[in-house]
C-alpha atoms as a PDB file:
ATOM      1  CA  MET A   1       0.000   0.000   0.000  1.00  0.00           C
ATOM      2  CA  SER A   2       1.551   3.285  -1.063  1.00  0.00           C
ATOM      3  CA  HIS A   3       2.521   5.526   1.805  1.00  0.00           C
ATOM      4  CA  ASN A   4       1.096   8.941   1.168  1.00  0.00           C
ATOM      5  CA  GLY A   5       3.233  11.478   2.979  1.00  0.00           C
ATOM      6  CA  SER A   6       0.797  14.358   2.495  1.00  0.00           C
ATOM      7  CA  ARG A   7      -1.806  12.994   4.912  1.00  0.00           C
ATOM      8  CA  ALA A   8      -1.912  11.037   8.129  1.00  0.00           C
ATOM      9  CA  VAL A   9      -2.290   7.285   7.769  1.00  0.00           C
ATOM     10  CA  THR A  10      -5.732   6.209   8.930  1.00  0.00           C
ATOM     11  CA  ARG A  11      -6.305   3.590  11.618  1.00  0.00           C
ATOM     12  CA  VAL A  12      -7.659   1.081   9.068  1.00  0.00           C
ATOM     13  CA  GLU A  13      -4.729   1.630   6.670  1.00  0.00           C
ATOM     14  CA  LYS A  14      -2.188   1.111   9.405  1.00  0.00           C
ATOM     15  CA  ALA A  15      -3.887  -2.067  10.637  1.00  0.00           C
ATOM     16  CA  SER A  16      -4.217  -3.357   7.063  1.00  0.00           C
ATOM     17  CA  ARG A  17      -0.492  -2.927   6.479  1.00  0.00           C
ATOM     18  CA  GLN A  18       0.346  -4.776   9.675  1.00  0.00           C
ATOM     19  CA  PHE A  19      -2.084  -7.542   8.739  1.00  0.00           C
ATOM     20  CA  LEU A  20      -0.552  -7.922   5.255  1.00  0.00           C
ATOM     21  CA  ALA A  21       2.931  -8.013   6.770  1.00  0.00           C
ATOM     22  CA  ALA A  22       1.746 -10.788   9.124  1.00  0.00           C
ATOM     23  CA  LEU A  23       0.362 -12.694   6.116  1.00  0.00           C
ATOM     24  CA  LYS A  24       3.737 -12.441   4.363  1.00  0.00           C
ATOM     25  CA  GLN A  25       5.458 -13.801   7.450  1.00  0.00           C
ATOM     26  CA  ARG A  26       3.011 -16.710   7.490  1.00  0.00           C
ATOM     27  CA  ASN A  27       4.004 -17.397   3.864  1.00  0.00           C
ATOM     28  CA  ALA A  28       0.523 -16.808   2.474  1.00  0.00           C
ATOM     29  CA  SER A  29       0.390 -17.104  -1.316  1.00  0.00           C
ATOM     30  CA  LEU A  30       1.384 -14.038  -3.287  1.00  0.00           C
ATOM     31  CA  ASN A  31      -1.977 -14.075  -5.101  1.00  0.00           C
ATOM     32  CA  THR A  32      -3.866 -13.919  -1.815  1.00  0.00           C
ATOM     33  CA  ILE A  33      -1.721 -11.078  -0.506  1.00  0.00           C
ATOM     34  CA  THR A  34      -2.073  -9.064  -3.732  1.00  0.00           C
ATOM     35  CA  ALA A  35      -5.846  -9.589  -3.831  1.00  0.00           C
ATOM     36  CA  TYR A  36      -6.292  -8.734  -0.141  1.00  0.00           C
ATOM     37  CA  GLU A  37      -4.134  -5.656  -0.532  1.00  0.00           C
ATOM     38  CA  LYS A  38      -6.313  -4.339  -3.356  1.00  0.00           C
ATOM     39  CA  ASP A  39      -9.512  -5.069  -1.414  1.00  0.00           C
ATOM     40  CA  LEU A  40      -8.239  -3.495   1.803  1.00  0.00           C
ATOM     41  CA  VAL A  41      -7.021  -0.340   0.027  1.00  0.00           C
ATOM     42  CA  ALA A  42     -10.604   0.078  -1.236  1.00  0.00           C
ATOM     43  CA  PHE A  43     -11.986  -0.666   2.249  1.00  0.00           C
ATOM     44  CA  SER A  44      -9.769   1.853   4.057  1.00  0.00           C
ATOM     45  CA  ALA A  45     -10.486   4.517   1.412  1.00  0.00           C
ATOM     46  CA  TYR A  46     -14.214   3.971   1.960  1.00  0.00           C
ATOM     47  CA  ILE A  47     -14.045   3.935   5.788  1.00  0.00           C
ATOM     48  CA  GLY A  48     -11.736   6.957   6.139  1.00  0.00           C
ATOM     49  CA  ASP A  49     -10.540   7.788   9.624  1.00  0.00           C
ATOM     50  CA  GLU A  50     -13.293   6.190  11.678  1.00  0.00           C
ATOM     51  CA  SER A  51     -12.656   4.461  14.983  1.00  0.00           C
ATOM     52  CA  TRP A  52     -13.042   0.679  15.184  1.00  0.00           C
ATOM     53  CA  ASP A  53     -16.142   1.133  17.325  1.00  0.00           C
ATOM     54  CA  ALA A  54     -17.825   3.197  14.615  1.00  0.00           C
ATOM     55  CA  ILE A  55     -17.383   0.470  11.997  1.00  0.00           C
ATOM     56  CA  ASP A  56     -20.346  -1.861  12.407  1.00  0.00           C
ATOM     57  CA  HIS A  57     -21.888  -4.407  10.062  1.00  0.00           C
ATOM     58  CA  VAL A  58     -24.119  -1.721   8.499  1.00  0.00           C
ATOM     59  CA  ARG A  59     -21.011   0.255   7.542  1.00  0.00           C
ATOM     60  CA  ILE A  60     -19.438  -2.870   6.024  1.00  0.00           C
ATOM     61  CA  ARG A  61     -22.617  -3.566   4.097  1.00  0.00           C
ATOM     62  CA  GLY A  62     -22.401   0.007   2.830  1.00  0.00           C
ATOM     63  CA  PHE A  63     -18.898  -0.757   1.583  1.00  0.00           C
ATOM     64  CA  LEU A  64     -20.212  -3.756  -0.394  1.00  0.00           C
ATOM     65  CA  SER A  65     -22.996  -1.612  -1.910  1.00  0.00           C
ATOM     66  CA  HIS A  66     -20.351   0.912  -2.904  1.00  0.00           C
ATOM     67  CA  LEU A  67     -18.436  -1.866  -4.715  1.00  0.00           C
ATOM     68  CA  TYR A  68     -21.594  -2.909  -6.589  1.00  0.00           C
ATOM     69  CA  GLU A  69     -22.119   0.720  -7.618  1.00  0.00           C
ATOM     70  CA  ARG A  70     -18.596   0.726  -9.024  1.00  0.00           C
ATOM     71  CA  GLY A  71     -19.696  -2.181 -11.233  1.00  0.00           C
ATOM     72  CA  LEU A  72     -17.901  -5.021  -9.424  1.00  0.00           C
ATOM     73  CA  SER A  73     -19.274  -8.529  -9.905  1.00  0.00           C
ATOM     74  CA  LYS A  74     -20.777 -10.567  -7.063  1.00  0.00           C
ATOM     75  CA  THR A  75     -17.694 -12.797  -7.104  1.00  0.00           C
ATOM     76  CA  SER A  76     -15.365  -9.786  -6.585  1.00  0.00           C
ATOM     77  CA  VAL A  77     -17.597  -8.357  -3.865  1.00  0.00           C
ATOM     78  CA  ALA A  78     -17.621 -11.736  -2.073  1.00  0.00           C
ATOM     79  CA  ARG A  79     -13.815 -11.750  -2.230  1.00  0.00           C
ATOM     80  CA  SER A  80     -13.618  -8.215  -0.757  1.00  0.00           C
ATOM     81  CA  LEU A  81     -15.841  -9.302   2.127  1.00  0.00           C
ATOM     82  CA  ALA A  82     -13.530 -12.288   2.732  1.00  0.00           C
ATOM     83  CA  ALA A  83     -10.553  -9.895   2.931  1.00  0.00           C
ATOM     84  CA  VAL A  84     -12.337  -7.663   5.467  1.00  0.00           C
ATOM     85  CA  ARG A  85     -13.334 -10.711   7.544  1.00  0.00           C
ATOM     86  CA  SER A  86      -9.734 -11.937   7.585  1.00  0.00           C
ATOM     87  CA  LEU A  87      -8.501  -8.503   8.632  1.00  0.00           C
ATOM     88  CA  TYR A  88     -10.976  -8.515  11.537  1.00  0.00           C
ATOM     89  CA  ARG A  89     -10.026 -12.028  12.624  1.00  0.00           C
ATOM     90  CA  TRP A  90      -6.420 -10.859  12.837  1.00  0.00           C
ATOM     91  CA  LEU A  91      -7.411  -7.658  14.707  1.00  0.00           C
ATOM     92  CA  ALA A  92      -9.319  -9.752  17.250  1.00  0.00           C
ATOM     93  CA  ARG A  93      -6.310 -12.033  17.769  1.00  0.00           C
ATOM     94  CA  GLU A  94      -4.118  -8.957  18.283  1.00  0.00           C
ATOM     95  CA  GLY A  95      -6.639  -7.616  20.819  1.00  0.00           C
ATOM     96  CA  MET A  96      -7.373  -4.485  18.744  1.00  0.00           C
ATOM     97  CA  VAL A  97     -11.110  -5.157  18.413  1.00  0.00           C
ATOM     98  CA  GLU A  98     -13.579  -7.163  20.460  1.00  0.00           C
ATOM     99  CA  GLN A  99     -15.912  -8.445  17.784  1.00  0.00           C
ATOM    100  CA  ASN A 100     -15.949  -9.102  14.067  1.00  0.00           C
ATOM    101  CA  PRO A 101     -18.797  -7.082  12.506  1.00  0.00           C
ATOM    102  CA  ALA A 102     -17.927  -8.546   9.087  1.00  0.00           C
ATOM    103  CA  MET A 103     -19.229 -11.911  10.294  1.00  0.00           C
ATOM    104  CA  LEU A 104     -22.723 -10.401  10.524  1.00  0.00           C
ATOM    105  CA  VAL A 105     -22.690  -9.528   6.818  1.00  0.00           C
ATOM    106  CA  ALA A 106     -23.993 -12.260   4.522  1.00  0.00           C
ATOM    107  CA  THR A 107     -21.774 -13.293   1.646  1.00  0.00           C
ATOM    108  CA  PRO A 108     -23.356 -12.160  -1.643  1.00  0.00           C
ATOM    109  CA  ARG A 109     -25.365 -14.989  -3.146  1.00  0.00           C
ATOM    110  CA  LEU A 110     -23.922 -15.846  -6.464  1.00  0.00           C
ATOM    111  CA  PRO A 111     -26.683 -15.689  -9.079  1.00  0.00           C
ATOM    112  CA  LYS A 112     -28.739 -18.811  -9.781  1.00  0.00           C
ATOM    113  CA  THR A 113     -31.222 -17.335 -12.178  1.00  0.00           C
ATOM    114  CA  LEU A 114     -33.292 -19.181 -14.719  1.00  0.00           C
ATOM    115  CA  PRO A 115     -32.255 -18.183 -18.210  1.00  0.00           C
ATOM    116  CA  ARG A 116     -34.735 -16.160 -20.221  1.00  0.00           C
ATOM    117  CA  VAL A 117     -36.706 -18.643 -22.294  1.00  0.00           C
ATOM    118  CA  PRO A 118     -36.460 -18.019 -26.039  1.00  0.00           C
ATOM    119  CA  THR A 119     -39.819 -17.411 -27.723  1.00  0.00           C
ATOM    120  CA  ILE A 120     -41.435 -19.966 -30.034  1.00  0.00           C
ATOM    121  CA  GLU A 121     -40.539 -17.678 -32.965  1.00  0.00           C
ATOM    122  CA  GLU A 122     -36.860 -17.562 -31.935  1.00  0.00           C
ATOM    123  CA  ILE A 123     -36.683 -21.344 -31.687  1.00  0.00           C
ATOM    124  CA  ASN A 124     -38.441 -21.790 -35.036  1.00  0.00           C
ATOM    125  CA  CYS A 125     -35.991 -19.372 -36.585  1.00  0.00           C
ATOM    126  CA  VAL A 126     -33.206 -21.786 -35.580  1.00  0.00           C
ATOM    127  CA  LEU A 127     -34.974 -25.024 -36.511  1.00  0.00           C
ATOM    128  CA  ASP A 128     -36.841 -24.063 -39.668  1.00  0.00           C
ATOM    129  CA  THR A 129     -33.809 -22.819 -41.564  1.00  0.00           C
ATOM    130  CA  ASP A 130     -30.729 -24.602 -42.879  1.00  0.00           C
ATOM    131  CA  MET A 131     -28.083 -25.228 -40.267  1.00  0.00           C
ATOM    132  CA  PRO A 132     -25.565 -22.343 -40.262  1.00  0.00           C
ATOM    133  CA  GLU A 133     -22.057 -22.617 -41.714  1.00  0.00           C
ATOM    134  CA  CYS A 134     -20.624 -23.040 -38.219  1.00  0.00           C
ATOM    135  CA  ALA A 135     -22.382 -26.416 -37.837  1.00  0.00           C
ATOM    136  CA  ALA A 136     -19.623 -29.020 -38.199  1.00  0.00           C
ATOM    137  CA  PHE A 137     -22.044 -31.903 -38.785  1.00  0.00           C
ATOM    138  CA  PRO A 138     -25.343 -30.264 -39.861  1.00  0.00           C
ATOM    139  CA  GLU A 139     -27.580 -33.388 -39.856  1.00  0.00           C
ATOM    140  CA  ARG A 140     -26.457 -34.385 -36.375  1.00  0.00           C
ATOM    141  CA  ASP A 141     -26.698 -30.827 -35.040  1.00  0.00           C
ATOM    142  CA  ARG A 142     -30.265 -30.419 -36.280  1.00  0.00           C
ATOM    143  CA  LEU A 143     -31.293 -33.719 -34.671  1.00  0.00           C
ATOM    144  CA  LEU A 144     -29.614 -32.709 -31.413  1.00  0.00           C
ATOM    145  CA  LEU A 145     -31.549 -29.412 -31.311  1.00  0.00           C
ATOM    146  CA  GLU A 146     -34.811 -31.147 -32.265  1.00  0.00           C
ATOM    147  CA  LEU A 147     -34.360 -33.621 -29.388  1.00  0.00           C
ATOM    148  CA  LEU A 148     -33.428 -31.002 -26.793  1.00  0.00           C
ATOM    149  CA  TYR A 149     -36.351 -28.751 -27.682  1.00  0.00           C
ATOM    150  CA  GLY A 150     -38.785 -31.293 -29.118  1.00  0.00           C
ATOM    151  CA  CYS A 151     -38.429 -33.819 -26.294  1.00  0.00           C
ATOM    152  CA  GLY A 152     -37.227 -31.597 -23.427  1.00  0.00           C
ATOM    153  CA  VAL A 153     -34.451 -34.029 -22.487  1.00  0.00           C
ATOM    154  CA  ARG A 154     -31.533 -33.099 -20.252  1.00  0.00           C
ATOM    155  CA  ASN A 155     -28.095 -32.812 -21.845  1.00  0.00           C
ATOM    156  CA  SER A 156     -26.854 -35.952 -20.046  1.00  0.00           C
ATOM    157  CA  GLU A 157     -29.970 -37.860 -21.165  1.00  0.00           C
ATOM    158  CA  LEU A 158     -29.457 -36.737 -24.746  1.00  0.00           C
ATOM    159  CA  THR A 159     -25.873 -37.981 -24.956  1.00  0.00           C
ATOM    160  CA  GLY A 160     -26.945 -41.248 -23.303  1.00  0.00           C
ATOM    161  CA  ILE A 161     -29.493 -42.119 -26.021  1.00  0.00           C
ATOM    162  CA  ASN A 162     -28.641 -45.242 -28.034  1.00  0.00           C
ATOM    163  CA  LEU A 163     -29.907 -46.141 -31.466  1.00  0.00           C
ATOM    164  CA  ASP A 164     -32.006 -48.962 -29.949  1.00  0.00           C
ATOM    165  CA  ASP A 165     -33.803 -46.501 -27.654  1.00  0.00           C
ATOM    166  CA  ILE A 166     -35.740 -45.026 -30.555  1.00  0.00           C
ATOM    167  CA  ARG A 167     -39.118 -46.680 -30.977  1.00  0.00           C
ATOM    168  CA  ALA A 168     -39.983 -45.264 -34.401  1.00  0.00           C
ATOM    169  CA  SER A 169     -43.225 -47.257 -34.710  1.00  0.00           C
ATOM    170  CA  SER A 170     -44.681 -45.809 -31.516  1.00  0.00           C
ATOM    171  CA  GLY A 171     -43.061 -42.374 -32.019  1.00  0.00           C
ATOM    172  CA  ALA A 172     -41.259 -42.384 -28.684  1.00  0.00           C
ATOM    173  CA  ILE A 173     -37.730 -42.472 -27.281  1.00  0.00           C
ATOM    174  CA  LEU A 174     -36.630 -44.335 -24.190  1.00  0.00           C
ATOM    175  CA  VAL A 175     -34.765 -41.846 -21.998  1.00  0.00           C
ATOM    176  CA  ARG A 176     -32.646 -42.749 -18.979  1.00  0.00           C
ATOM    177  CA  GLY A 177     -33.070 -40.001 -16.426  1.00  0.00           C
ATOM    178  CA  LYS A 178     -31.653 -39.189 -13.015  1.00  0.00           C
ATOM    179  CA  GLY A 179     -31.249 -42.081 -10.586  1.00  0.00           C
ATOM    180  CA  LYS A 180     -31.561 -44.761 -13.321  1.00  0.00           C
ATOM    181  CA  LYS A 181     -35.201 -43.835 -13.880  1.00  0.00           C
ATOM    182  CA  GLN A 182     -36.458 -44.516 -17.390  1.00  0.00           C
ATOM    183  CA  ARG A 183     -39.281 -42.799 -19.217  1.00  0.00           C
ATOM    184  CA  TYR A 184     -40.689 -42.691 -22.727  1.00  0.00           C
ATOM    185  CA  VAL A 185     -40.759 -39.285 -24.376  1.00  0.00           C
ATOM    186  CA  PRO A 186     -42.888 -38.542 -27.463  1.00  0.00           C
ATOM    187  CA  PHE A 187     -40.965 -37.908 -30.599  1.00  0.00           C
ATOM    188  CA  GLY A 188     -42.472 -35.372 -33.007  1.00  0.00           C
ATOM    189  CA  GLU A 189     -42.484 -35.283 -36.791  1.00  0.00           C
ATOM    190  CA  SER A 190     -39.713 -32.673 -37.017  1.00  0.00           C
ATOM    191  CA  ALA A 191     -37.441 -34.838 -34.881  1.00  0.00           C
ATOM    192  CA  GLN A 192     -38.357 -37.862 -36.998  1.00  0.00           C
ATOM    193  CA  ALA A 193     -37.467 -36.009 -40.197  1.00  0.00           C
ATOM    194  CA  ALA A 194     -34.151 -34.905 -38.668  1.00  0.00           C
ATOM    195  CA  LEU A 195     -33.448 -38.497 -37.599  1.00  0.00           C
ATOM    196  CA  ALA A 196     -34.144 -39.801 -41.128  1.00  0.00           C
ATOM    197  CA  GLU A 197     -31.581 -37.337 -42.504  1.00  0.00           C
ATOM    198  CA  TYR A 198     -28.976 -38.102 -39.877  1.00  0.00           C
ATOM    199  CA  LEU A 199     -29.001 -41.923 -39.775  1.00  0.00           C
ATOM    200  CA  PRO A 200     -27.475 -42.489 -43.259  1.00  0.00           C
ATOM    201  CA  GLN A 201     -24.733 -39.939 -42.398  1.00  0.00           C
ATOM    202  CA  ARG A 202     -24.066 -41.734 -39.113  1.00  0.00           C
ATOM    203  CA  GLN A 203     -23.819 -45.051 -40.955  1.00  0.00           C
ATOM    204  CA  GLN A 204     -21.422 -43.593 -43.535  1.00  0.00           C
ATOM    205  CA  LEU A 205     -19.197 -42.165 -40.818  1.00  0.00           C
ATOM    206  CA  LEU A 206     -18.997 -45.507 -38.987  1.00  0.00           C
ATOM    207  CA  SER A 207     -18.293 -47.488 -42.181  1.00  0.00           C
ATOM    208  CA  ARG A 208     -15.553 -45.045 -43.104  1.00  0.00           C
ATOM    209  CA  LEU A 209     -13.964 -45.365 -39.666  1.00  0.00           C
ATOM    210  CA  ARG A 210     -14.712 -49.112 -39.539  1.00  0.00           C
ATOM    211  CA  ARG A 211     -16.202 -48.978 -36.080  1.00  0.00           C
ATOM    212  CA  GLY A 212     -19.467 -49.689 -34.342  1.00  0.00           C
ATOM    213  CA  THR A 213     -21.147 -48.013 -31.367  1.00  0.00           C
ATOM    214  CA  PRO A 214     -24.633 -48.117 -29.839  1.00  0.00           C
ATOM    215  CA  ALA A 215     -24.592 -44.317 -29.320  1.00  0.00           C
ATOM    216  CA  LEU A 216     -27.063 -42.292 -31.365  1.00  0.00           C
ATOM    217  CA  LEU A 217     -25.182 -38.978 -31.491  1.00  0.00           C
ATOM    218  CA  LEU A 218     -21.567 -39.223 -32.582  1.00  0.00           C
ATOM    219  CA  ASN A 219     -18.638 -36.883 -32.943  1.00  0.00           C
ATOM    220  CA  GLN A 220     -16.425 -36.859 -36.049  1.00  0.00           C
ATOM    221  CA  ARG A 221     -14.268 -39.605 -34.515  1.00  0.00           C
ATOM    222  CA  GLY A 222     -17.244 -41.943 -34.414  1.00  0.00           C
ATOM    223  CA  THR A 223     -17.550 -41.975 -30.626  1.00  0.00           C
ATOM    224  CA  ARG A 224     -20.393 -40.821 -28.369  1.00  0.00           C
ATOM    225  CA  LEU A 225     -20.866 -37.057 -28.249  1.00  0.00           C
ATOM    226  CA  THR A 226     -20.062 -35.531 -24.830  1.00  0.00           C
ATOM    227  CA  THR A 227     -22.318 -33.155 -22.885  1.00  0.00           C
ATOM    228  CA  ARG A 228     -19.601 -30.528 -23.183  1.00  0.00           C
ATOM    229  CA  SER A 229     -19.637 -30.728 -26.968  1.00  0.00           C
ATOM    230  CA  VAL A 230     -23.440 -30.480 -26.974  1.00  0.00           C
ATOM    231  CA  GLY A 231     -23.170 -27.261 -24.938  1.00  0.00           C
ATOM    232  CA  ARG A 232     -20.700 -25.791 -27.427  1.00  0.00           C
ATOM    233  CA  ILE A 233     -22.788 -26.788 -30.478  1.00  0.00           C
ATOM    234  CA  VAL A 234     -26.007 -25.326 -29.023  1.00  0.00           C
ATOM    235  CA  LYS A 235     -24.315 -22.029 -28.140  1.00  0.00           C
ATOM    236  CA  ARG A 236     -22.575 -21.705 -31.508  1.00  0.00           C
ATOM    237  CA  ILE A 237     -25.742 -22.290 -33.533  1.00  0.00           C
ATOM    238  CA  ALA A 238     -27.949 -20.138 -31.280  1.00  0.00           C
ATOM    239  CA  VAL A 239     -25.519 -17.201 -31.444  1.00  0.00           C
ATOM    240  CA  SER A 240     -25.206 -17.504 -35.238  1.00  0.00           C
ATOM    241  CA  ARG A 241     -29.003 -17.139 -35.396  1.00  0.00           C
ATOM    242  CA  GLY A 242     -29.012 -14.014 -33.237  1.00  0.00           C
ATOM    243  CA  LEU A 243     -30.068 -15.629 -29.962  1.00  0.00           C
ATOM    244  CA  SER A 244     -28.509 -14.746 -26.622  1.00  0.00           C
ATOM    245  CA  PRO A 245     -25.012 -16.178 -25.983  1.00  0.00           C
ATOM    246  CA  ASP A 246     -26.118 -17.457 -22.548  1.00  0.00           C
ATOM    247  CA  ILE A 247     -28.176 -20.210 -24.181  1.00  0.00           C
ATOM    248  CA  HIS A 248     -27.226 -23.742 -23.199  1.00  0.00           C
ATOM    249  CA  PRO A 249     -28.912 -27.142 -23.626  1.00  0.00           C
ATOM    250  CA  HIS A 250     -30.936 -26.632 -20.443  1.00  0.00           C
ATOM    251  CA  THR A 251     -32.459 -23.453 -21.917  1.00  0.00           C
ATOM    252  CA  LEU A 252     -34.095 -25.571 -24.627  1.00  0.00           C
ATOM    253  CA  ARG A 253     -35.528 -27.863 -21.936  1.00  0.00           C
ATOM    254  CA  HIS A 254     -37.010 -24.787 -20.211  1.00  0.00           C
ATOM    255  CA  ALA A 255     -38.408 -23.628 -23.541  1.00  0.00           C
ATOM    256  CA  PHE A 256     -39.990 -27.059 -24.117  1.00  0.00           C
ATOM    257  CA  GLY A 257     -41.873 -26.921 -20.804  1.00  0.00           C
ATOM    258  CA  THR A 258     -42.782 -23.252 -20.987  1.00  0.00           C
ATOM    259  CA  HIS A 259     -44.062 -23.396 -24.559  1.00  0.00           C
ATOM    260  CA  LEU A 260     -46.138 -26.527 -23.892  1.00  0.00           C
ATOM    261  CA  LEU A 261     -47.745 -24.885 -20.897  1.00  0.00           C
ATOM    262  CA  GLY A 262     -48.304 -21.660 -22.812  1.00  0.00           C
ATOM    263  CA  GLU A 263     -50.100 -23.643 -25.507  1.00  0.00           C
ATOM    264  CA  GLY A 264     -52.398 -25.190 -22.928  1.00  0.00           C
ATOM    265  CA  ALA A 265     -50.743 -28.529 -22.045  1.00  0.00           C
ATOM    266  CA  ASP A 266     -51.540 -30.051 -18.664  1.00  0.00           C
ATOM    267  CA  LEU A 267     -48.863 -29.510 -15.994  1.00  0.00           C
ATOM    268  CA  LYS A 268     -48.964 -33.173 -14.953  1.00  0.00           C
ATOM    269  CA  ALA A 269     -48.252 -34.309 -18.535  1.00  0.00           C
ATOM    270  CA  ILE A 270     -45.336 -31.866 -18.768  1.00  0.00           C
ATOM    271  CA  GLN A 271     -43.976 -33.205 -15.462  1.00  0.00           C
ATOM    272  CA  GLU A 272     -44.117 -36.706 -16.906  1.00  0.00           C
ATOM    273  CA  MET A 273     -42.297 -35.715 -20.095  1.00  0.00           C
ATOM    274  CA  LEU A 274     -39.596 -33.752 -18.286  1.00  0.00           C
ATOM    275  CA  GLY A 275     -39.080 -36.588 -15.820  1.00  0.00           C
ATOM    276  CA  HIS A 276     -39.531 -34.355 -12.766  1.00  0.00           C
ATOM    277  CA  GLU A 277     -40.112 -36.203  -9.521  1.00  0.00           C
ATOM    278  CA  ARG A 278     -42.113 -33.359  -7.981  1.00  0.00           C
ATOM    279  CA  LEU A 279     -44.745 -31.218  -9.603  1.00  0.00           C
ATOM    280  CA  SER A 280     -43.318 -28.178  -7.760  1.00  0.00           C
ATOM    281  CA  THR A 281     -40.149 -28.473  -9.874  1.00  0.00           C
ATOM    282  CA  THR A 282     -42.224 -28.358 -13.041  1.00  0.00           C
ATOM    283  CA  GLN A 283     -44.129 -25.341 -11.750  1.00  0.00           C
ATOM    284  CA  LYS A 284     -40.943 -23.455 -10.986  1.00  0.00           C
ATOM    285  CA  TYR A 285     -39.677 -24.415 -14.386  1.00  0.00           C
ATOM    286  CA  THR A 286     -42.510 -23.167 -16.452  1.00  0.00           C
ATOM    287  CA  GLN A 287     -42.586 -19.552 -15.377  1.00  0.00           C
ATOM    288  CA  LEU A 288     -45.932 -18.549 -16.772  1.00  0.00           C
ATOM    289  CA  SER A 289     -46.363 -14.857 -17.165  1.00  0.00           C
ATOM    290  CA  MET A 290     -49.181 -13.391 -15.103  1.00  0.00           C
ATOM    291  CA  LYS A 291     -50.784 -12.205 -18.331  1.00  0.00           C
ATOM    292  CA  GLN A 292     -51.151 -15.796 -19.529  1.00  0.00           C
ATOM    293  CA  VAL A 293     -52.531 -16.930 -16.178  1.00  0.00           C
ATOM    294  CA  LEU A 294     -55.165 -14.201 -16.257  1.00  0.00           C
ATOM    295  CA  GLU A 295     -56.087 -14.984 -19.847  1.00  0.00           C
ATOM    296  CA  VAL A 296     -56.598 -18.666 -19.007  1.00  0.00           C
ATOM    297  CA  TYR A 297     -58.667 -17.695 -15.961  1.00  0.00           C
ATOM    298  CA  ASP A 298     -60.867 -15.306 -17.914  1.00  0.00           C
ATOM    299  CA  ARG A 299     -61.385 -17.861 -20.623  1.00  0.00           C
ATOM    300  CA  THR A 300     -62.101 -20.882 -18.456  1.00  0.00           C
ATOM    301  CA  HIS A 301     -63.332 -20.012 -14.967  1.00  0.00           C
ATOM    302  CA  PRO A 302     -67.139 -20.028 -14.623  1.00  0.00           C
ATOM    303  CA  ARG A 303     -67.092 -17.032 -12.246  1.00  0.00           C
ATOM    304  CA  ALA A 304     -64.897 -14.971 -14.582  1.00  0.00           C
ATOM    305  CA  LYS A 305     -67.437 -14.853 -17.409  1.00  0.00           C
END
């Protein structure tokens, strides 16, 4: 921390320097020391020359708000709070403070938001046009998107599908879900058309490589596609069609449930297709807009007419 000769060193600055020196003596990693130093410079600048007694948890929360206002991410703010907590633990050990107000401040919750569900039009724009140039294996990529959106399967379920799991005659696919649970998922005409285009290409690839595999979706090496690759393919194609870059396979599963519900499907049937154990999961999943709820009510409830 630079020593500024033109003004007196504040209490917090002085303590921070001593704390960092103690960390160096304890052979803390250089990364930790550098990060803590940056965070504590910001903290002492914010606190100014207040006494330890005046710095309570409300003041520390104010410091975190100030970091958010400066545009810092939740992860950076959480790290700053960790630095302040460590400083206080050291101060308590040195007998300079009696309690640690930073312990009363909750660590910022890192975001766990549901992604915005693409509209039916946005999805159709991806599926009703030719696969973009960036698609390395267009027939496979179309089938993969049709299965994620058309059947609402999870990424891990998708990559686990074998050729034998497709029951073309009954228009369903056997899907192995969480905890070895199996379910049959309906298989629409678009997915069937995509499958018909892909299977000859899959066969050609395997003959060329002289190998066999039960897996339905293959990479160029003729082995089962990984969930990671599926994530990359979905993102690449979605972005090339002007959709948000935060789209991943799970977004298409959300879209499947939300669009079915929006078109009037029964929640219980959607639960069955998604393979949710509890109906509450399906409800959380299909975030119906209030407008839709009111429309359905007005249209169907006897007392609303």
